[in-house]
Amino acid sequence: MTDAEKMLQTMMMLAEENKENQQNQYNESARQLRMLYDSYIKAGFSYKMAFELVKTFLSATIQGMVKK
């Protein structure tokens, strides 16, 4: 195996590892958003209002990240 092939293989392995890490981060974010939604329901909000609150939370978070 040439050095270029070894480098390519290493880069492909790193890319796959990064993809797995990113998927794990998305999974954790989804779990946290679901916990937030469930907490709103438990606090007495309707299903629709809890969903709207989570959407507002997510939108504000994204907008805050974009402004940085």
PDB file of N, CA and C in Angstrom:
ATOM      1  N   MET A   1       0.852  -1.176   0.000  1.00  0.00           N
ATOM      2  CA  MET A   1       0.000   0.000   0.000  1.00  0.00           C
ATOM      3  C   MET A   1       0.896   1.236   0.000  1.00  0.00           C
ATOM      4  N   THR A   2       0.621   2.158  -0.895  1.00  0.00           N
ATOM      5  CA  THR A   2       1.438   3.364  -0.994  1.00  0.00           C
ATOM      6  C   THR A   2       1.084   4.331   0.126  1.00  0.00           C
ATOM      7  N   ASP A   3       1.938   5.319   0.313  1.00  0.00           N
ATOM      8  CA  ASP A   3       1.683   6.333   1.327  1.00  0.00           C
ATOM      9  C   ASP A   3       0.389   7.084   1.031  1.00  0.00           C
ATOM     10  N   ALA A   4       0.140   7.379  -0.220  1.00  0.00           N
ATOM     11  CA  ALA A   4      -1.080   8.088  -0.605  1.00  0.00           C
ATOM     12  C   ALA A   4      -2.315   7.251  -0.271  1.00  0.00           C
ATOM     13  N   GLU A   5      -2.239   5.961  -0.510  1.00  0.00           N
ATOM     14  CA  GLU A   5      -3.368   5.073  -0.196  1.00  0.00           C
ATOM     15  C   GLU A   5      -3.585   4.981   1.311  1.00  0.00           C
ATOM     16  N   LYS A   6      -2.478   4.931   2.066  1.00  0.00           N
ATOM     17  CA  LYS A   6      -2.585   4.909   3.524  1.00  0.00           C
ATOM     18  C   LYS A   6      -3.216   6.194   4.036  1.00  0.00           C
ATOM     19  N   MET A   7      -2.804   7.335   3.466  1.00  0.00           N
ATOM     20  CA  MET A   7      -3.348   8.617   3.877  1.00  0.00           C
ATOM     21  C   MET A   7      -4.846   8.686   3.553  1.00  0.00           C
ATOM     22  N   LEU A   8      -5.210   8.221   2.369  1.00  0.00           N
ATOM     23  CA  LEU A   8      -6.613   8.211   1.956  1.00  0.00           C
ATOM     24  C   LEU A   8      -7.435   7.325   2.886  1.00  0.00           C
ATOM     25  N   GLN A   9      -6.920   6.169   3.227  1.00  0.00           N
ATOM     26  CA  GLN A   9      -7.621   5.264   4.127  1.00  0.00           C
ATOM     27  C   GLN A   9      -7.792   5.908   5.505  1.00  0.00           C
ATOM     28  N   THR A  10      -6.754   6.563   5.991  1.00  0.00           N
ATOM     29  CA  THR A  10      -6.820   7.246   7.286  1.00  0.00           C
ATOM     30  C   THR A  10      -7.864   8.359   7.250  1.00  0.00           C
ATOM     31  N   MET A  11      -7.874   9.122   6.176  1.00  0.00           N
ATOM     32  CA  MET A  11      -8.840  10.212   6.042  1.00  0.00           C
ATOM     33  C   MET A  11     -10.265   9.672   5.994  1.00  0.00           C
ATOM     34  N   MET A  12     -10.462   8.545   5.325  1.00  0.00           N
ATOM     35  CA  MET A  12     -11.791   7.942   5.243  1.00  0.00           C
ATOM     36  C   MET A  12     -12.246   7.438   6.615  1.00  0.00           C
ATOM     37  N   MET A  13     -11.318   6.882   7.379  1.00  0.00           N
ATOM     38  CA  MET A  13     -11.647   6.413   8.728  1.00  0.00           C
ATOM     39  C   MET A  13     -12.021   7.591   9.623  1.00  0.00           C
ATOM     40  N   LEU A  14     -11.271   8.680   9.525  1.00  0.00           N
ATOM     41  CA  LEU A  14     -11.564   9.865  10.327  1.00  0.00           C
ATOM     42  C   LEU A  14     -12.913  10.467   9.945  1.00  0.00           C
ATOM     43  N   ALA A  15     -13.221  10.480   8.673  1.00  0.00           N
ATOM     44  CA  ALA A  15     -14.502  11.007   8.206  1.00  0.00           C
ATOM     45  C   ALA A  15     -15.650  10.167   8.745  1.00  0.00           C
ATOM     46  N   GLU A  16     -15.491   8.862   8.741  1.00  0.00           N
ATOM     47  CA  GLU A  16     -16.538   7.974   9.264  1.00  0.00           C
ATOM     48  C   GLU A  16     -16.714   8.174  10.764  1.00  0.00           C
ATOM     49  N   GLU A  17     -15.618   8.331  11.476  1.00  0.00           N
ATOM     50  CA  GLU A  17     -15.680   8.582  12.918  1.00  0.00           C
ATOM     51  C   GLU A  17     -16.387   9.902  13.190  1.00  0.00           C
ATOM     52  N   ASN A  18     -16.073  10.922  12.409  1.00  0.00           N
ATOM     53  CA  ASN A  18     -16.715  12.225  12.569  1.00  0.00           C
ATOM     54  C   ASN A  18     -18.214  12.121  12.309  1.00  0.00           C
ATOM     55  N   LYS A  19     -18.580  11.347  11.300  1.00  0.00           N
ATOM     56  CA  LYS A  19     -19.996  11.147  10.963  1.00  0.00           C
ATOM     57  C   LYS A  19     -20.730  10.491  12.131  1.00  0.00           C
ATOM     58  N   GLU A  20     -20.114   9.489  12.739  1.00  0.00           N
ATOM     59  CA  GLU A  20     -20.718   8.806  13.882  1.00  0.00           C
ATOM     60  C   GLU A  20     -20.852   9.755  15.072  1.00  0.00           C
ATOM     61  N   ASN A  21     -19.833  10.565  15.322  1.00  0.00           N
ATOM     62  CA  ASN A  21     -19.892  11.535  16.420  1.00  0.00           C
ATOM     63  C   ASN A  21     -21.008  12.547  16.181  1.00  0.00           C
ATOM     64  N   GLN A  22     -21.127  13.013  14.961  1.00  0.00           N
ATOM     65  CA  GLN A  22     -22.164  13.974  14.632  1.00  0.00           C
ATOM     66  C   GLN A  22     -23.549  13.358  14.818  1.00  0.00           C
ATOM     67  N   GLN A  23     -23.723  12.112  14.403  1.00  0.00           N
ATOM     68  CA  GLN A  23     -25.007  11.433  14.587  1.00  0.00           C
ATOM     69  C   GLN A  23     -25.333  11.295  16.063  1.00  0.00           C
ATOM     70  N   ASN A  24     -24.335  10.984  16.874  1.00  0.00           N
ATOM     71  CA  ASN A  24     -24.550  10.879  18.322  1.00  0.00           C
ATOM     72  C   ASN A  24     -24.975  12.222  18.905  1.00  0.00           C
ATOM     73  N   GLN A  25     -24.395  13.309  18.429  1.00  0.00           N
ATOM     74  CA  GLN A  25     -24.780  14.639  18.898  1.00  0.00           C
ATOM     75  C   GLN A  25     -26.222  14.959  18.510  1.00  0.00           C
ATOM     76  N   TYR A  26     -26.619  14.601  17.292  1.00  0.00           N
ATOM     77  CA  TYR A  26     -27.998  14.814  16.860  1.00  0.00           C
ATOM     78  C   TYR A  26     -28.963  13.994  17.714  1.00  0.00           C
ATOM     79  N   ASN A  27     -28.598  12.751  17.996  1.00  0.00           N
ATOM     80  CA  ASN A  27     -29.448  11.898  18.830  1.00  0.00           C
ATOM     81  C   ASN A  27     -29.633  12.489  20.219  1.00  0.00           C
ATOM     82  N   GLU A  28     -28.564  12.991  20.792  1.00  0.00           N
ATOM     83  CA  GLU A  28     -28.639  13.596  22.131  1.00  0.00           C
ATOM     84  C   GLU A  28     -29.480  14.868  22.102  1.00  0.00           C
ATOM     85  N   SER A  29     -29.322  15.676  21.080  1.00  0.00           N
ATOM     86  CA  SER A  29     -30.138  16.895  20.955  1.00  0.00           C
ATOM     87  C   SER A  29     -31.618  16.542  20.855  1.00  0.00           C
ATOM     88  N   ALA A  30     -31.934  15.524  20.086  1.00  0.00           N
ATOM     89  CA  ALA A  30     -33.324  15.094  19.946  1.00  0.00           C
ATOM     90  C   ALA A  30     -33.878  14.607  21.282  1.00  0.00           C
ATOM     91  N   ARG A  31     -33.075  13.860  22.027  1.00  0.00           N
ATOM     92  CA  ARG A  31     -33.523  13.382  23.347  1.00  0.00           C
ATOM     93  C   ARG A  31     -33.796  14.559  24.276  1.00  0.00           C
ATOM     94  N   GLN A  32     -32.935  15.564  24.248  1.00  0.00           N
ATOM     95  CA  GLN A  32     -33.118  16.719  25.117  1.00  0.00           C
ATOM     96  C   GLN A  32     -34.347  17.531  24.732  1.00  0.00           C
ATOM     97  N   LEU A  33     -34.585  17.672  23.429  1.00  0.00           N
ATOM     98  CA  LEU A  33     -35.788  18.391  22.992  1.00  0.00           C
ATOM     99  C   LEU A  33     -37.047  17.631  23.406  1.00  0.00           C
ATOM    100  N   ARG A  34     -37.008  16.306  23.304  1.00  0.00           N
ATOM    101  CA  ARG A  34     -38.160  15.511  23.731  1.00  0.00           C
ATOM    102  C   ARG A  34     -38.383  15.644  25.232  1.00  0.00           C
ATOM    103  N   MET A  35     -37.309  15.684  26.007  1.00  0.00           N
ATOM    104  CA  MET A  35     -37.441  15.876  27.451  1.00  0.00           C
ATOM    105  C   MET A  35     -38.051  17.239  27.766  1.00  0.00           C
ATOM    106  N   LEU A  36     -37.656  18.260  27.015  1.00  0.00           N
ATOM    107  CA  LEU A  36     -38.221  19.595  27.192  1.00  0.00           C
ATOM    108  C   LEU A  36     -39.720  19.574  26.900  1.00  0.00           C
ATOM    109  N   TYR A  37     -40.092  18.946  25.785  1.00  0.00           N
ATOM    110  CA  TYR A  37     -41.499  18.807  25.405  1.00  0.00           C
ATOM    111  C   TYR A  37     -42.284  18.087  26.502  1.00  0.00           C
ATOM    112  N   ASP A  38     -41.758  16.962  26.968  1.00  0.00           N
ATOM    113  CA  ASP A  38     -42.432  16.194  28.014  1.00  0.00           C
ATOM    114  C   ASP A  38     -42.577  17.009  29.300  1.00  0.00           C
ATOM    115  N   SER A  39     -41.596  17.830  29.604  1.00  0.00           N
ATOM    116  CA  SER A  39     -41.664  18.678  30.801  1.00  0.00           C
ATOM    117  C   SER A  39     -42.769  19.713  30.676  1.00  0.00           C
ATOM    118  N   TYR A  40     -42.935  20.281  29.499  1.00  0.00           N
ATOM    119  CA  TYR A  40     -44.029  21.228  29.285  1.00  0.00           C
ATOM    120  C   TYR A  40     -45.382  20.540  29.458  1.00  0.00           C
ATOM    121  N   ILE A  41     -45.518  19.327  28.940  1.00  0.00           N
ATOM    122  CA  ILE A  41     -46.759  18.567  29.094  1.00  0.00           C
ATOM    123  C   ILE A  41     -47.019  18.300  30.576  1.00  0.00           C
ATOM    124  N   LYS A  42     -45.979  17.872  31.278  1.00  0.00           N
ATOM    125  CA  LYS A  42     -46.116  17.566  32.704  1.00  0.00           C
ATOM    126  C   LYS A  42     -46.485  18.821  33.505  1.00  0.00           C
ATOM    127  N   ALA A  43     -46.021  19.982  33.027  1.00  0.00           N
ATOM    128  CA  ALA A  43     -46.322  21.244  33.715  1.00  0.00           C
ATOM    129  C   ALA A  43     -47.742  21.718  33.438  1.00  0.00           C
ATOM    130  N   GLY A  44     -48.449  21.035  32.522  1.00  0.00           N
ATOM    131  CA  GLY A  44     -49.844  21.379  32.294  1.00  0.00           C
ATOM    132  C   GLY A  44     -50.157  22.028  30.961  1.00  0.00           C
ATOM    133  N   PHE A  45     -49.161  22.203  30.127  1.00  0.00           N
ATOM    134  CA  PHE A  45     -49.413  22.773  28.806  1.00  0.00           C
ATOM    135  C   PHE A  45     -50.087  21.729  27.920  1.00  0.00           C
ATOM    136  N   SER A  46     -50.893  22.195  26.965  1.00  0.00           N
ATOM    137  CA  SER A  46     -51.490  21.273  26.001  1.00  0.00           C
ATOM    138  C   SER A  46     -50.387  20.731  25.093  1.00  0.00           C
ATOM    139  N   TYR A  47     -50.697  19.666  24.378  1.00  0.00           N
ATOM    140  CA  TYR A  47     -49.721  19.097  23.454  1.00  0.00           C
ATOM    141  C   TYR A  47     -49.306  20.109  22.393  1.00  0.00           C
ATOM    142  N   LYS A  48     -50.290  20.831  21.897  1.00  0.00           N
ATOM    143  CA  LYS A  48     -50.009  21.828  20.857  1.00  0.00           C
ATOM    144  C   LYS A  48     -49.139  22.955  21.405  1.00  0.00           C
ATOM    145  N   MET A  49     -49.492  23.461  22.585  1.00  0.00           N
ATOM    146  CA  MET A  49     -48.721  24.566  23.167  1.00  0.00           C
ATOM    147  C   MET A  49     -47.305  24.106  23.528  1.00  0.00           C
ATOM    148  N   ALA A  50     -47.162  22.886  24.029  1.00  0.00           N
ATOM    149  CA  ALA A  50     -45.826  22.359  24.346  1.00  0.00           C
ATOM    150  C   ALA A  50     -44.978  22.278  23.083  1.00  0.00           C
ATOM    151  N   PHE A  51     -45.586  21.844  21.989  1.00  0.00           N
ATOM    152  CA  PHE A  51     -44.858  21.761  20.726  1.00  0.00           C
ATOM    153  C   PHE A  51     -44.451  23.157  20.256  1.00  0.00           C
ATOM    154  N   GLU A  52     -45.349  24.105  20.373  1.00  0.00           N
ATOM    155  CA  GLU A  52     -45.035  25.483  19.978  1.00  0.00           C
ATOM    156  C   GLU A  52     -43.906  26.056  20.835  1.00  0.00           C
ATOM    157  N   LEU A  53     -43.918  25.758  22.112  1.00  0.00           N
ATOM    158  CA  LEU A  53     -42.854  26.239  23.002  1.00  0.00           C
ATOM    159  C   LEU A  53     -41.503  25.643  22.621  1.00  0.00           C
ATOM    160  N   VAL A  54     -41.483  24.374  22.301  1.00  0.00           N
ATOM    161  CA  VAL A  54     -40.235  23.733  21.878  1.00  0.00           C
ATOM    162  C   VAL A  54     -39.760  24.333  20.562  1.00  0.00           C
ATOM    163  N   LYS A  55     -40.690  24.573  19.630  1.00  0.00           N
ATOM    164  CA  LYS A  55     -40.310  25.197  18.358  1.00  0.00           C
ATOM    165  C   LYS A  55     -39.719  26.583  18.597  1.00  0.00           C
ATOM    166  N   THR A  56     -40.332  27.353  19.503  1.00  0.00           N
ATOM    167  CA  THR A  56     -39.827  28.691  19.809  1.00  0.00           C
ATOM    168  C   THR A  56     -38.447  28.614  20.445  1.00  0.00           C
ATOM    169  N   PHE A  57     -38.271  27.672  21.364  1.00  0.00           N
ATOM    170  CA  PHE A  57     -36.974  27.463  22.008  1.00  0.00           C
ATOM    171  C   PHE A  57     -35.905  27.129  20.979  1.00  0.00           C
ATOM    172  N   LEU A  58     -36.222  26.200  20.087  1.00  0.00           N
ATOM    173  CA  LEU A  58     -35.272  25.779  19.063  1.00  0.00           C
ATOM    174  C   LEU A  58     -34.945  26.924  18.111  1.00  0.00           C
ATOM    175  N   SER A  59     -35.947  27.668  17.699  1.00  0.00           N
ATOM    176  CA  SER A  59     -35.745  28.802  16.800  1.00  0.00           C
ATOM    177  C   SER A  59     -34.860  29.870  17.445  1.00  0.00           C
ATOM    178  N   ALA A  60     -35.133  30.185  18.707  1.00  0.00           N
ATOM    179  CA  ALA A  60     -34.330  31.192  19.421  1.00  0.00           C
ATOM    180  C   ALA A  60     -32.894  30.730  19.587  1.00  0.00           C
ATOM    181  N   THR A  61     -32.699  29.453  19.838  1.00  0.00           N
ATOM    182  CA  THR A  61     -31.356  28.902  19.980  1.00  0.00           C
ATOM    183  C   THR A  61     -30.582  29.022  18.668  1.00  0.00           C
ATOM    184  N   ILE A  62     -31.231  28.674  17.576  1.00  0.00           N
ATOM    185  CA  ILE A  62     -30.575  28.750  16.262  1.00  0.00           C
ATOM    186  C   ILE A  62     -30.260  30.195  15.909  1.00  0.00           C
ATOM    187  N   GLN A  63     -31.200  31.096  16.151  1.00  0.00           N
ATOM    188  CA  GLN A  63     -30.962  32.506  15.857  1.00  0.00           C
ATOM    189  C   GLN A  63     -29.828  33.062  16.694  1.00  0.00           C
ATOM    190  N   GLY A  64     -29.743  32.635  17.933  1.00  0.00           N
ATOM    191  CA  GLY A  64     -28.652  33.076  18.811  1.00  0.00           C
ATOM    192  C   GLY A  64     -27.303  32.592  18.321  1.00  0.00           C
ATOM    193  N   MET A  65     -27.270  31.400  17.750  1.00  0.00           N
ATOM    194  CA  MET A  65     -26.015  30.855  17.232  1.00  0.00           C
ATOM    195  C   MET A  65     -25.606  31.586  15.956  1.00  0.00           C
ATOM    196  N   VAL A  66     -26.577  31.979  15.149  1.00  0.00           N
ATOM    197  CA  VAL A  66     -26.282  32.657  13.885  1.00  0.00           C
ATOM    198  C   VAL A  66     -25.739  34.051  14.144  1.00  0.00           C
ATOM    199  N   LYS A  67     -26.217  34.708  15.182  1.00  0.00           N
ATOM    200  CA  LYS A  67     -25.801  36.080  15.491  1.00  0.00           C
ATOM    201  C   LYS A  67     -24.393  36.173  16.038  1.00  0.00           C
ATOM    202  N   LYS A  68     -23.864  35.074  16.520  1.00  0.00           N
ATOM    203  CA  LYS A  68     -22.510  35.090  17.120  1.00  0.00           C
ATOM    204  C   LYS A  68     -21.456  35.388  16.111  1.00  0.00           C
TER     205      LYS A  68
END
